[in-house]
N, C-alpha and C. Protein backbone atom coordinates (compact mmCIF):
# COMPACT_ATOMS: atom_id res chain seq x y z
N MET A 1 22.07 -47.69 32.73
CA MET A 1 21.55 -47.32 31.42
C MET A 1 21.40 -45.79 31.36
N SER A 2 22.05 -45.17 30.40
CA SER A 2 22.03 -43.71 30.32
C SER A 2 20.72 -43.23 29.73
N GLN A 3 20.26 -42.12 30.25
CA GLN A 3 19.03 -41.52 29.75
C GLN A 3 19.36 -40.47 28.69
N GLU A 4 18.58 -40.48 27.62
CA GLU A 4 18.81 -39.51 26.55
C GLU A 4 18.33 -38.14 27.00
N LYS A 5 19.22 -37.18 26.89
CA LYS A 5 18.88 -35.83 27.33
C LYS A 5 18.11 -35.09 26.25
N SER A 6 17.05 -34.41 26.67
CA SER A 6 16.30 -33.60 25.72
C SER A 6 17.04 -32.29 25.48
N PRO A 7 16.94 -31.75 24.27
CA PRO A 7 17.65 -30.51 23.97
C PRO A 7 17.11 -29.37 24.79
N PRO A 8 17.98 -28.44 25.20
CA PRO A 8 17.51 -27.31 26.02
C PRO A 8 16.58 -26.43 25.22
N PRO A 9 15.60 -25.82 25.87
CA PRO A 9 14.69 -24.92 25.15
C PRO A 9 15.44 -23.71 24.61
N ILE A 10 14.91 -23.13 23.53
CA ILE A 10 15.54 -21.96 22.96
C ILE A 10 15.36 -20.78 23.91
N HIS A 11 16.46 -20.18 24.31
CA HIS A 11 16.40 -19.02 25.19
C HIS A 11 16.02 -17.80 24.37
N MET A 12 15.33 -16.87 24.99
CA MET A 12 14.86 -15.72 24.23
C MET A 12 15.99 -14.82 23.76
N ASP A 13 17.21 -14.99 24.33
CA ASP A 13 18.35 -14.23 23.81
C ASP A 13 18.62 -14.60 22.37
N TYR A 14 18.13 -15.79 21.96
CA TYR A 14 18.29 -16.22 20.57
C TYR A 14 17.68 -15.21 19.61
N PHE A 15 16.53 -14.66 20.00
CA PHE A 15 15.87 -13.71 19.12
C PHE A 15 16.65 -12.42 19.03
N GLU A 16 17.36 -12.05 20.11
CA GLU A 16 18.19 -10.86 20.04
C GLU A 16 19.32 -11.08 19.06
N ASP A 17 19.90 -12.29 19.08
CA ASP A 17 20.95 -12.59 18.12
C ASP A 17 20.41 -12.58 16.70
N LEU A 18 19.16 -13.02 16.55
CA LEU A 18 18.56 -13.10 15.23
C LEU A 18 18.22 -11.73 14.67
N THR A 19 17.60 -10.89 15.50
CA THR A 19 17.10 -9.62 15.00
C THR A 19 18.03 -8.45 15.27
N GLY A 20 18.78 -8.53 16.37
CA GLY A 20 19.59 -7.39 16.76
C GLY A 20 18.70 -6.27 17.27
N LYS A 21 19.33 -5.20 17.73
CA LYS A 21 18.58 -4.05 18.18
C LYS A 21 18.46 -3.06 17.04
N ILE A 22 17.33 -2.39 16.94
CA ILE A 22 17.15 -1.38 15.91
C ILE A 22 17.89 -0.13 16.36
N ALA A 23 18.83 0.27 15.56
CA ALA A 23 19.65 1.41 15.91
C ALA A 23 18.85 2.70 15.85
N LYS A 24 19.33 3.71 16.55
CA LYS A 24 18.68 5.01 16.49
C LYS A 24 18.71 5.50 15.05
N PRO A 25 17.56 5.94 14.52
CA PRO A 25 17.52 6.31 13.12
C PRO A 25 18.36 7.52 12.80
N ALA A 26 19.05 7.45 11.67
CA ALA A 26 19.80 8.60 11.20
C ALA A 26 18.81 9.66 10.76
N ASP A 27 19.17 10.94 10.92
CA ASP A 27 18.26 12.02 10.60
C ASP A 27 17.78 11.96 9.16
N ARG A 28 18.68 11.65 8.23
CA ARG A 28 18.29 11.65 6.83
C ARG A 28 17.27 10.55 6.53
N ALA A 29 17.34 9.42 7.25
CA ALA A 29 16.38 8.34 7.03
C ALA A 29 15.01 8.73 7.57
N VAL A 30 15.01 9.37 8.75
CA VAL A 30 13.76 9.79 9.36
C VAL A 30 13.09 10.85 8.50
N GLU A 31 13.88 11.76 7.96
CA GLU A 31 13.33 12.87 7.20
C GLU A 31 12.76 12.43 5.85
N SER A 32 13.18 11.30 5.35
CA SER A 32 12.84 10.92 3.99
C SER A 32 11.34 10.79 3.75
N ILE A 33 10.57 10.32 4.72
CA ILE A 33 9.13 10.15 4.50
C ILE A 33 8.47 11.50 4.26
N GLY A 34 8.75 12.48 5.09
CA GLY A 34 8.18 13.81 4.90
C GLY A 34 8.59 14.41 3.57
N GLN A 35 9.83 14.21 3.19
CA GLN A 35 10.32 14.74 1.92
C GLN A 35 9.62 14.06 0.74
N ARG A 36 9.40 12.74 0.85
CA ARG A 36 8.73 12.02 -0.23
C ARG A 36 7.27 12.45 -0.37
N VAL A 37 6.60 12.63 0.77
CA VAL A 37 5.21 13.08 0.73
C VAL A 37 5.12 14.43 0.04
N ARG A 38 5.99 15.34 0.43
CA ARG A 38 5.95 16.69 -0.15
C ARG A 38 6.28 16.65 -1.65
N PHE A 39 7.26 15.86 -2.03
CA PHE A 39 7.65 15.77 -3.44
C PHE A 39 6.50 15.26 -4.30
N ILE A 40 5.85 14.18 -3.86
CA ILE A 40 4.76 13.60 -4.64
C ILE A 40 3.56 14.54 -4.67
N ARG A 41 3.26 15.17 -3.53
CA ARG A 41 2.13 16.11 -3.47
C ARG A 41 2.34 17.27 -4.44
N GLU A 42 3.53 17.86 -4.41
CA GLU A 42 3.80 19.00 -5.28
C GLU A 42 3.86 18.56 -6.74
N HIS A 43 4.39 17.36 -7.00
CA HIS A 43 4.45 16.85 -8.37
C HIS A 43 3.04 16.69 -8.94
N LYS A 44 2.07 16.36 -8.08
CA LYS A 44 0.68 16.19 -8.52
C LYS A 44 -0.08 17.51 -8.52
N GLY A 45 0.58 18.57 -8.08
CA GLY A 45 -0.06 19.88 -8.07
C GLY A 45 -1.09 20.05 -6.99
N LEU A 46 -0.95 19.32 -5.89
CA LEU A 46 -1.90 19.39 -4.78
C LEU A 46 -1.41 20.34 -3.70
N SER A 47 -2.32 21.11 -3.16
CA SER A 47 -1.99 21.93 -2.00
C SER A 47 -2.14 21.10 -0.74
N LEU A 48 -1.66 21.62 0.37
CA LEU A 48 -1.85 20.92 1.65
C LEU A 48 -3.34 20.82 1.97
N GLU A 49 -4.09 21.86 1.63
CA GLU A 49 -5.53 21.86 1.89
C GLU A 49 -6.23 20.76 1.08
N ALA A 50 -5.79 20.60 -0.18
CA ALA A 50 -6.39 19.56 -1.02
C ALA A 50 -6.07 18.17 -0.48
N LEU A 51 -4.83 17.97 -0.03
CA LEU A 51 -4.45 16.68 0.54
C LEU A 51 -5.20 16.42 1.84
N ALA A 52 -5.43 17.47 2.61
CA ALA A 52 -6.21 17.34 3.84
C ALA A 52 -7.64 16.88 3.53
N ASN A 53 -8.22 17.41 2.47
CA ASN A 53 -9.58 17.00 2.08
C ASN A 53 -9.62 15.55 1.62
N LEU A 54 -8.54 15.09 0.96
CA LEU A 54 -8.49 13.71 0.47
C LEU A 54 -8.27 12.69 1.58
N THR A 55 -7.57 13.09 2.63
CA THR A 55 -7.19 12.15 3.69
C THR A 55 -8.00 12.29 4.97
N GLY A 56 -8.55 13.48 5.20
CA GLY A 56 -9.23 13.73 6.47
C GLY A 56 -8.28 14.19 7.55
N PHE A 57 -6.99 14.32 7.23
CA PHE A 57 -6.01 14.81 8.20
C PHE A 57 -6.02 16.33 8.23
N GLU A 58 -5.68 16.90 9.37
CA GLU A 58 -5.60 18.35 9.49
C GLU A 58 -4.40 18.88 8.72
N VAL A 59 -4.54 20.09 8.20
CA VAL A 59 -3.44 20.72 7.46
C VAL A 59 -2.21 20.83 8.34
N ALA A 60 -2.43 21.14 9.62
CA ALA A 60 -1.30 21.31 10.55
C ALA A 60 -0.51 20.01 10.69
N LEU A 61 -1.23 18.86 10.73
CA LEU A 61 -0.54 17.57 10.83
C LEU A 61 0.26 17.29 9.57
N LEU A 62 -0.33 17.53 8.40
CA LEU A 62 0.38 17.29 7.14
C LEU A 62 1.61 18.18 7.03
N ALA A 63 1.47 19.42 7.45
CA ALA A 63 2.62 20.34 7.41
C ALA A 63 3.72 19.85 8.36
N ALA A 64 3.31 19.34 9.52
CA ALA A 64 4.29 18.83 10.48
C ALA A 64 5.01 17.60 9.93
N ILE A 65 4.28 16.74 9.21
CA ILE A 65 4.90 15.56 8.61
C ILE A 65 5.91 15.97 7.54
N GLU A 66 5.51 16.89 6.68
CA GLU A 66 6.39 17.31 5.59
C GLU A 66 7.63 18.03 6.10
N SER A 67 7.51 18.72 7.23
CA SER A 67 8.66 19.43 7.80
C SER A 67 9.41 18.58 8.82
N ASN A 68 8.97 17.31 8.97
CA ASN A 68 9.62 16.35 9.86
C ASN A 68 9.53 16.71 11.34
N GLN A 69 8.52 17.52 11.68
CA GLN A 69 8.26 17.79 13.09
C GLN A 69 7.46 16.66 13.72
N ALA A 70 6.77 15.87 12.88
CA ALA A 70 6.03 14.69 13.31
C ALA A 70 6.33 13.57 12.34
N GLN A 71 6.55 12.38 12.86
CA GLN A 71 6.83 11.22 12.02
C GLN A 71 5.57 10.35 11.99
N PRO A 72 4.98 10.13 10.81
CA PRO A 72 3.67 9.48 10.73
C PRO A 72 3.69 8.01 11.11
N GLN A 73 2.57 7.55 11.70
CA GLN A 73 2.38 6.13 11.92
C GLN A 73 2.21 5.44 10.57
N LEU A 74 2.41 4.14 10.55
CA LEU A 74 2.31 3.40 9.30
C LEU A 74 0.91 3.50 8.70
N GLY A 75 -0.13 3.50 9.54
CA GLY A 75 -1.48 3.65 9.05
C GLY A 75 -1.68 5.00 8.36
N THR A 76 -1.06 6.04 8.92
CA THR A 76 -1.12 7.36 8.31
C THR A 76 -0.43 7.37 6.96
N VAL A 77 0.72 6.68 6.87
CA VAL A 77 1.45 6.61 5.60
C VAL A 77 0.61 5.89 4.54
N ILE A 78 -0.09 4.83 4.95
CA ILE A 78 -0.93 4.10 4.00
C ILE A 78 -2.04 5.01 3.47
N LYS A 79 -2.68 5.79 4.35
CA LYS A 79 -3.72 6.71 3.90
C LYS A 79 -3.16 7.76 2.95
N LEU A 80 -1.95 8.24 3.25
CA LEU A 80 -1.32 9.22 2.37
C LEU A 80 -0.99 8.61 1.01
N SER A 81 -0.53 7.37 1.02
CA SER A 81 -0.18 6.71 -0.24
C SER A 81 -1.42 6.53 -1.11
N LYS A 82 -2.56 6.21 -0.47
CA LYS A 82 -3.80 6.06 -1.23
C LYS A 82 -4.21 7.39 -1.85
N ALA A 83 -4.16 8.45 -1.05
CA ALA A 83 -4.58 9.77 -1.54
C ALA A 83 -3.66 10.28 -2.64
N LEU A 84 -2.39 9.92 -2.58
CA LEU A 84 -1.42 10.41 -3.56
C LEU A 84 -1.23 9.44 -4.73
N ASP A 85 -2.04 8.37 -4.76
CA ASP A 85 -1.91 7.35 -5.81
C ASP A 85 -0.48 6.84 -5.91
N SER A 86 0.12 6.63 -4.76
CA SER A 86 1.52 6.19 -4.72
C SER A 86 1.62 4.92 -3.89
N ALA A 87 2.55 4.06 -4.23
CA ALA A 87 2.75 2.82 -3.48
C ALA A 87 3.18 3.15 -2.05
N PHE A 88 2.61 2.42 -1.10
CA PHE A 88 2.96 2.59 0.31
C PHE A 88 4.46 2.46 0.52
N GLY A 89 5.06 1.43 -0.12
CA GLY A 89 6.49 1.21 0.05
C GLY A 89 7.33 2.36 -0.44
N ARG A 90 6.84 3.08 -1.45
CA ARG A 90 7.60 4.22 -1.96
C ARG A 90 7.75 5.30 -0.91
N LEU A 91 6.69 5.53 -0.14
CA LEU A 91 6.77 6.53 0.92
C LEU A 91 7.63 6.06 2.08
N VAL A 92 7.54 4.76 2.39
CA VAL A 92 8.29 4.23 3.53
C VAL A 92 9.77 4.13 3.23
N SER A 93 10.11 3.55 2.08
CA SER A 93 11.53 3.25 1.83
C SER A 93 12.01 3.53 0.42
N GLY A 94 11.20 4.23 -0.38
CA GLY A 94 11.66 4.60 -1.71
C GLY A 94 11.23 3.61 -2.77
N VAL A 95 11.58 3.91 -4.01
CA VAL A 95 11.19 3.08 -5.15
C VAL A 95 12.18 1.93 -5.33
N GLY A 96 11.68 0.70 -5.32
CA GLY A 96 12.55 -0.45 -5.57
C GLY A 96 12.74 -0.67 -7.06
N GLN A 97 13.81 -1.38 -7.40
CA GLN A 97 14.12 -1.63 -8.81
C GLN A 97 14.37 -3.10 -9.10
N ARG A 98 14.13 -4.00 -8.12
CA ARG A 98 14.45 -5.41 -8.31
C ARG A 98 13.21 -6.28 -8.23
N LEU A 99 13.34 -7.50 -8.76
CA LEU A 99 12.22 -8.45 -8.73
C LEU A 99 12.22 -9.29 -7.45
N TYR A 100 13.28 -9.24 -6.68
CA TYR A 100 13.36 -9.98 -5.43
C TYR A 100 14.29 -9.23 -4.49
N SER A 101 14.32 -9.66 -3.25
CA SER A 101 15.18 -9.00 -2.27
C SER A 101 15.72 -10.01 -1.27
N ILE A 102 17.03 -10.02 -1.11
CA ILE A 102 17.69 -10.76 -0.04
C ILE A 102 18.32 -9.72 0.88
N THR A 103 17.84 -9.63 2.09
CA THR A 103 18.32 -8.59 3.00
C THR A 103 19.14 -9.20 4.12
N ARG A 104 20.43 -8.98 4.10
CA ARG A 104 21.31 -9.44 5.17
C ARG A 104 21.14 -8.57 6.41
N ARG A 105 21.42 -9.15 7.54
CA ARG A 105 21.27 -8.41 8.79
C ARG A 105 22.08 -7.12 8.77
N THR A 106 23.26 -7.16 8.17
CA THR A 106 24.14 -6.00 8.15
C THR A 106 23.81 -5.03 7.02
N GLU A 107 22.80 -5.36 6.21
CA GLU A 107 22.48 -4.53 5.05
C GLU A 107 21.15 -3.81 5.16
N ARG A 108 20.52 -3.85 6.31
CA ARG A 108 19.25 -3.14 6.48
C ARG A 108 19.50 -1.64 6.37
N LYS A 109 18.80 -1.00 5.47
CA LYS A 109 19.17 0.37 5.12
C LYS A 109 18.22 1.44 5.65
N VAL A 110 16.98 1.09 5.83
CA VAL A 110 15.99 2.12 6.12
C VAL A 110 15.49 2.00 7.55
N VAL A 111 15.70 3.02 8.34
CA VAL A 111 15.21 3.05 9.71
C VAL A 111 14.43 4.34 9.90
N SER A 112 13.22 4.23 10.39
CA SER A 112 12.40 5.41 10.64
C SER A 112 11.71 5.25 11.99
N ARG A 113 11.11 6.31 12.46
CA ARG A 113 10.37 6.23 13.71
C ARG A 113 9.00 6.85 13.52
N SER A 114 8.09 6.46 14.38
CA SER A 114 6.75 7.01 14.35
C SER A 114 6.49 7.71 15.67
N THR A 115 5.86 8.87 15.60
CA THR A 115 5.55 9.62 16.81
C THR A 115 4.05 9.83 16.94
N SER A 116 3.63 10.31 18.09
CA SER A 116 2.23 10.63 18.31
C SER A 116 1.83 11.78 17.39
N ARG A 117 0.52 12.03 17.30
CA ARG A 117 0.01 13.02 16.36
C ARG A 117 0.71 14.37 16.50
N ARG A 118 1.02 14.76 17.73
CA ARG A 118 1.66 16.05 17.93
C ARG A 118 3.19 15.97 17.87
N GLY A 119 3.68 14.76 17.66
CA GLY A 119 5.12 14.61 17.48
C GLY A 119 5.93 14.60 18.76
N HIS A 120 5.28 14.54 19.92
CA HIS A 120 5.99 14.64 21.19
C HIS A 120 6.40 13.29 21.76
N GLN A 121 5.72 12.23 21.39
CA GLN A 121 5.94 10.92 21.98
C GLN A 121 6.34 9.91 20.92
N LYS A 122 7.49 9.25 21.09
CA LYS A 122 7.88 8.22 20.15
C LYS A 122 7.06 6.97 20.42
N LEU A 123 6.42 6.43 19.38
CA LEU A 123 5.57 5.25 19.52
C LEU A 123 6.30 3.98 19.14
N TYR A 124 7.01 4.02 18.03
CA TYR A 124 7.78 2.84 17.61
C TYR A 124 8.81 3.23 16.56
N THR A 125 9.78 2.35 16.40
CA THR A 125 10.82 2.51 15.40
C THR A 125 10.72 1.34 14.45
N TYR A 126 10.85 1.58 13.16
CA TYR A 126 10.69 0.46 12.24
C TYR A 126 11.74 0.50 11.12
N MET A 127 11.97 -0.68 10.57
CA MET A 127 12.98 -0.87 9.55
C MET A 127 12.39 -1.73 8.43
N SER A 128 12.49 -1.25 7.21
CA SER A 128 11.99 -2.01 6.07
C SER A 128 12.96 -3.14 5.74
N LEU A 129 12.42 -4.33 5.50
CA LEU A 129 13.27 -5.50 5.23
C LEU A 129 13.38 -5.83 3.75
N ALA A 130 12.58 -5.18 2.91
CA ALA A 130 12.66 -5.51 1.48
C ALA A 130 12.41 -4.27 0.62
N PRO A 131 13.20 -3.21 0.81
CA PRO A 131 12.95 -1.97 0.07
C PRO A 131 13.31 -2.03 -1.41
N GLU A 132 14.06 -3.06 -1.83
CA GLU A 132 14.53 -3.09 -3.21
C GLU A 132 13.52 -3.63 -4.21
N VAL A 133 12.43 -4.28 -3.72
CA VAL A 133 11.50 -4.95 -4.64
C VAL A 133 10.58 -3.92 -5.31
N LYS A 134 10.52 -3.97 -6.62
CA LYS A 134 9.73 -3.03 -7.41
C LYS A 134 8.26 -3.44 -7.43
N GLY A 135 7.37 -2.47 -7.25
CA GLY A 135 5.93 -2.71 -7.36
C GLY A 135 5.36 -3.62 -6.31
N ARG A 136 5.98 -3.69 -5.12
CA ARG A 136 5.50 -4.60 -4.08
C ARG A 136 4.20 -4.09 -3.47
N HIS A 137 3.37 -5.03 -3.02
CA HIS A 137 2.10 -4.69 -2.39
C HIS A 137 2.10 -5.04 -0.90
N MET A 138 3.17 -5.69 -0.44
CA MET A 138 3.34 -5.97 0.98
C MET A 138 4.58 -5.24 1.47
N GLU A 139 4.61 -4.92 2.73
CA GLU A 139 5.79 -4.31 3.33
C GLU A 139 6.16 -5.10 4.58
N ALA A 140 7.36 -5.69 4.56
CA ALA A 140 7.86 -6.45 5.71
C ALA A 140 8.73 -5.53 6.55
N LEU A 141 8.42 -5.46 7.85
CA LEU A 141 9.08 -4.51 8.73
C LEU A 141 9.52 -5.16 10.03
N LEU A 142 10.65 -4.72 10.53
CA LEU A 142 11.07 -5.07 11.88
C LEU A 142 10.73 -3.86 12.74
N VAL A 143 9.87 -4.03 13.74
CA VAL A 143 9.33 -2.90 14.49
C VAL A 143 9.68 -3.02 15.97
N GLN A 144 10.19 -1.94 16.52
CA GLN A 144 10.48 -1.88 17.95
C GLN A 144 9.44 -0.97 18.60
N LEU A 145 8.54 -1.59 19.35
CA LEU A 145 7.46 -0.85 20.01
C LEU A 145 7.94 -0.24 21.32
N GLU A 146 7.38 0.90 21.66
CA GLU A 146 7.71 1.58 22.91
C GLU A 146 6.57 1.42 23.91
N GLU A 147 6.90 1.54 25.17
CA GLU A 147 5.87 1.60 26.22
C GLU A 147 5.38 3.03 26.29
N VAL A 148 4.10 3.26 25.98
CA VAL A 148 3.54 4.61 25.97
C VAL A 148 2.30 4.65 26.86
N PRO A 149 2.06 5.78 27.53
CA PRO A 149 0.94 5.85 28.48
C PRO A 149 -0.42 5.96 27.80
N HIS A 150 -0.46 6.50 26.58
CA HIS A 150 -1.73 6.71 25.91
C HIS A 150 -1.79 5.90 24.62
N GLU A 151 -2.98 5.38 24.33
CA GLU A 151 -3.16 4.59 23.13
C GLU A 151 -3.31 5.49 21.90
N GLU A 152 -2.58 5.15 20.82
CA GLU A 152 -2.73 5.84 19.54
C GLU A 152 -3.37 4.86 18.58
N GLU A 153 -4.66 5.01 18.36
CA GLU A 153 -5.42 4.08 17.54
C GLU A 153 -5.10 4.26 16.06
N SER A 154 -5.07 3.16 15.35
CA SER A 154 -4.79 3.19 13.91
C SER A 154 -5.91 2.48 13.15
N VAL A 155 -6.37 3.09 12.05
CA VAL A 155 -7.38 2.50 11.18
C VAL A 155 -7.01 2.86 9.75
N HIS A 156 -6.94 1.87 8.88
CA HIS A 156 -6.59 2.13 7.48
C HIS A 156 -6.94 0.91 6.64
N ASP A 157 -6.80 1.03 5.34
CA ASP A 157 -7.08 -0.09 4.45
C ASP A 157 -6.00 -1.15 4.58
N GLY A 158 -6.33 -2.37 4.16
CA GLY A 158 -5.33 -3.43 4.10
C GLY A 158 -5.47 -4.48 5.19
N GLU A 159 -4.42 -5.27 5.32
CA GLU A 159 -4.36 -6.36 6.29
C GLU A 159 -2.97 -6.35 6.93
N GLU A 160 -2.88 -6.90 8.15
CA GLU A 160 -1.60 -6.93 8.86
C GLU A 160 -1.38 -8.29 9.53
N PHE A 161 -0.14 -8.68 9.56
CA PHE A 161 0.28 -9.86 10.32
C PHE A 161 1.45 -9.45 11.18
N ILE A 162 1.41 -9.79 12.46
CA ILE A 162 2.54 -9.50 13.34
C ILE A 162 2.98 -10.77 14.07
N TYR A 163 4.26 -10.86 14.36
CA TYR A 163 4.84 -11.99 15.09
C TYR A 163 5.77 -11.40 16.13
N VAL A 164 5.55 -11.73 17.39
CA VAL A 164 6.33 -11.16 18.48
C VAL A 164 7.67 -11.88 18.60
N LEU A 165 8.74 -11.13 18.52
CA LEU A 165 10.09 -11.68 18.64
C LEU A 165 10.65 -11.53 20.05
N GLU A 166 10.38 -10.38 20.66
CA GLU A 166 10.99 -10.10 21.96
C GLU A 166 10.10 -9.17 22.77
N GLY A 167 10.00 -9.40 24.08
CA GLY A 167 9.21 -8.54 24.94
C GLY A 167 7.74 -8.94 24.93
N THR A 168 6.93 -8.16 25.63
CA THR A 168 5.49 -8.40 25.72
C THR A 168 4.75 -7.26 25.03
N VAL A 169 3.79 -7.61 24.19
CA VAL A 169 3.05 -6.63 23.40
C VAL A 169 1.62 -6.54 23.89
N LYS A 170 1.15 -5.33 24.18
CA LYS A 170 -0.25 -5.10 24.48
C LYS A 170 -0.94 -4.74 23.17
N MET A 171 -2.05 -5.41 22.90
CA MET A 171 -2.74 -5.22 21.63
C MET A 171 -4.23 -5.06 21.85
N ARG A 172 -4.82 -4.13 21.12
CA ARG A 172 -6.27 -3.99 21.11
C ARG A 172 -6.75 -4.06 19.68
N ILE A 173 -7.70 -4.94 19.41
CA ILE A 173 -8.35 -5.04 18.11
C ILE A 173 -9.83 -4.80 18.34
N GLY A 174 -10.34 -3.70 17.84
CA GLY A 174 -11.71 -3.33 18.17
C GLY A 174 -11.81 -3.05 19.66
N GLU A 175 -12.68 -3.79 20.34
CA GLU A 175 -12.83 -3.62 21.79
C GLU A 175 -12.15 -4.74 22.57
N GLU A 176 -11.56 -5.70 21.88
CA GLU A 176 -10.90 -6.82 22.55
C GLU A 176 -9.43 -6.52 22.79
N ARG A 177 -8.94 -6.95 23.95
CA ARG A 177 -7.56 -6.69 24.33
C ARG A 177 -6.80 -8.01 24.51
N PHE A 178 -5.52 -7.98 24.12
CA PHE A 178 -4.68 -9.16 24.19
C PHE A 178 -3.29 -8.78 24.69
N GLU A 179 -2.63 -9.74 25.28
CA GLU A 179 -1.23 -9.58 25.67
C GLU A 179 -0.45 -10.70 24.99
N LEU A 180 0.46 -10.33 24.11
CA LEU A 180 1.17 -11.29 23.29
C LEU A 180 2.61 -11.46 23.77
N GLN A 181 3.04 -12.70 23.85
CA GLN A 181 4.39 -13.05 24.28
C GLN A 181 5.21 -13.48 23.06
N PRO A 182 6.55 -13.58 23.21
CA PRO A 182 7.38 -14.05 22.10
C PRO A 182 6.88 -15.39 21.56
N GLY A 183 6.75 -15.46 20.23
CA GLY A 183 6.21 -16.64 19.59
C GLY A 183 4.74 -16.52 19.25
N ASP A 184 4.03 -15.56 19.88
CA ASP A 184 2.63 -15.32 19.56
C ASP A 184 2.52 -14.48 18.29
N SER A 185 1.40 -14.61 17.59
CA SER A 185 1.20 -13.83 16.37
C SER A 185 -0.25 -13.40 16.27
N ALA A 186 -0.50 -12.47 15.36
CA ALA A 186 -1.87 -11.99 15.13
C ALA A 186 -2.01 -11.58 13.67
N TYR A 187 -3.18 -11.87 13.11
CA TYR A 187 -3.51 -11.47 11.75
C TYR A 187 -4.87 -10.78 11.81
N TYR A 188 -4.99 -9.60 11.24
CA TYR A 188 -6.24 -8.87 11.35
C TYR A 188 -6.38 -7.90 10.18
N LEU A 189 -7.62 -7.52 9.92
CA LEU A 189 -7.91 -6.51 8.92
C LEU A 189 -7.60 -5.14 9.51
N SER A 190 -6.86 -4.35 8.76
CA SER A 190 -6.43 -3.04 9.26
C SER A 190 -7.57 -2.05 9.36
N THR A 191 -8.73 -2.38 8.76
CA THR A 191 -9.90 -1.51 8.85
C THR A 191 -10.54 -1.55 10.24
N ILE A 192 -10.14 -2.55 11.05
CA ILE A 192 -10.60 -2.62 12.44
C ILE A 192 -9.69 -1.72 13.27
N PRO A 193 -10.23 -0.80 14.06
CA PRO A 193 -9.37 0.03 14.91
C PRO A 193 -8.44 -0.84 15.76
N HIS A 194 -7.15 -0.54 15.74
CA HIS A 194 -6.20 -1.38 16.47
C HIS A 194 -5.09 -0.54 17.09
N VAL A 195 -4.53 -1.09 18.15
CA VAL A 195 -3.45 -0.43 18.89
C VAL A 195 -2.40 -1.47 19.23
N LEU A 196 -1.13 -1.11 19.06
CA LEU A 196 -0.01 -1.96 19.44
C LEU A 196 0.97 -1.14 20.27
N ARG A 197 1.42 -1.70 21.38
CA ARG A 197 2.45 -1.02 22.18
C ARG A 197 3.13 -2.03 23.08
N ALA A 198 4.31 -1.69 23.55
CA ALA A 198 5.03 -2.57 24.46
C ALA A 198 4.38 -2.52 25.83
N ALA A 199 4.28 -3.66 26.48
CA ALA A 199 3.70 -3.71 27.82
C ALA A 199 4.63 -3.05 28.83
N LYS A 200 5.93 -3.23 28.62
CA LYS A 200 6.92 -2.65 29.52
C LYS A 200 8.23 -2.48 28.77
N GLY A 201 8.78 -1.30 28.86
CA GLY A 201 10.05 -1.04 28.17
C GLY A 201 9.86 -1.05 26.67
N ARG A 202 10.42 -2.05 26.01
CA ARG A 202 10.31 -2.16 24.56
C ARG A 202 9.98 -3.60 24.17
N ALA A 203 9.42 -3.74 22.98
CA ALA A 203 9.14 -5.06 22.43
C ALA A 203 9.45 -5.01 20.93
N THR A 204 9.89 -6.12 20.39
CA THR A 204 10.24 -6.19 18.97
C THR A 204 9.33 -7.18 18.26
N ILE A 205 8.77 -6.76 17.13
CA ILE A 205 7.89 -7.62 16.35
C ILE A 205 8.31 -7.62 14.89
N LEU A 206 7.96 -8.69 14.20
CA LEU A 206 8.00 -8.71 12.75
C LEU A 206 6.61 -8.37 12.27
N ALA A 207 6.47 -7.39 11.40
CA ALA A 207 5.16 -6.97 10.90
C ALA A 207 5.15 -7.03 9.39
N VAL A 208 4.09 -7.62 8.84
CA VAL A 208 3.90 -7.64 7.39
C VAL A 208 2.59 -6.93 7.10
N LEU A 209 2.65 -5.86 6.31
CA LEU A 209 1.48 -5.06 5.99
C LEU A 209 1.13 -5.23 4.51
N TYR A 210 -0.12 -5.50 4.25
CA TYR A 210 -0.63 -5.56 2.88
C TYR A 210 -1.58 -4.38 2.72
N GLU A 211 -1.29 -3.50 1.78
CA GLU A 211 -2.04 -2.27 1.70
C GLU A 211 -3.41 -2.42 1.07
N GLY A 212 -3.70 -3.52 0.42
CA GLY A 212 -5.03 -3.77 -0.10
C GLY A 212 -5.34 -3.00 -1.38
């Protein structure tokens, strides 16, 4: 009597086939956030000093972002969007014009990276998955985290959901620490100080941010 074979477990290479690797960002894509921040700030008639007062960021950091010497973390972009009365998605990936978005794997258009405050250490690379939707309040991102020696804490308005696709993620929410494996997820208020980084090498996550 033959025994029915159980299906083999899904190998983690499946997720690589699903997500692919995030390519090195083109210079024009990386530069776009700084250019958008500067355009909106100048359009509103704000000086760097005025924007610094609204956000609590140093003038030197804002100048570095606008000149693309530093690439802001997503939490920093959210704070800038609030201060500039601009949609978070507009700063990340531009103004959408559609009511829905179907994003094929080969059609992902926006790739950016985030660096440490001084711009010397790459923290993660991210890609917007729905830049075409107009007036969106959530941002879906494919994020490739780096292994970094120092924690860069993030605190901002909104809520976040992450789902680990590949690699191991070290996470701190408040004072609690977690190690997340592929298939693990986390949902938390972004107002709680939090840190995300790869435990070793790189890790890939799906992140959904609601700016609140």
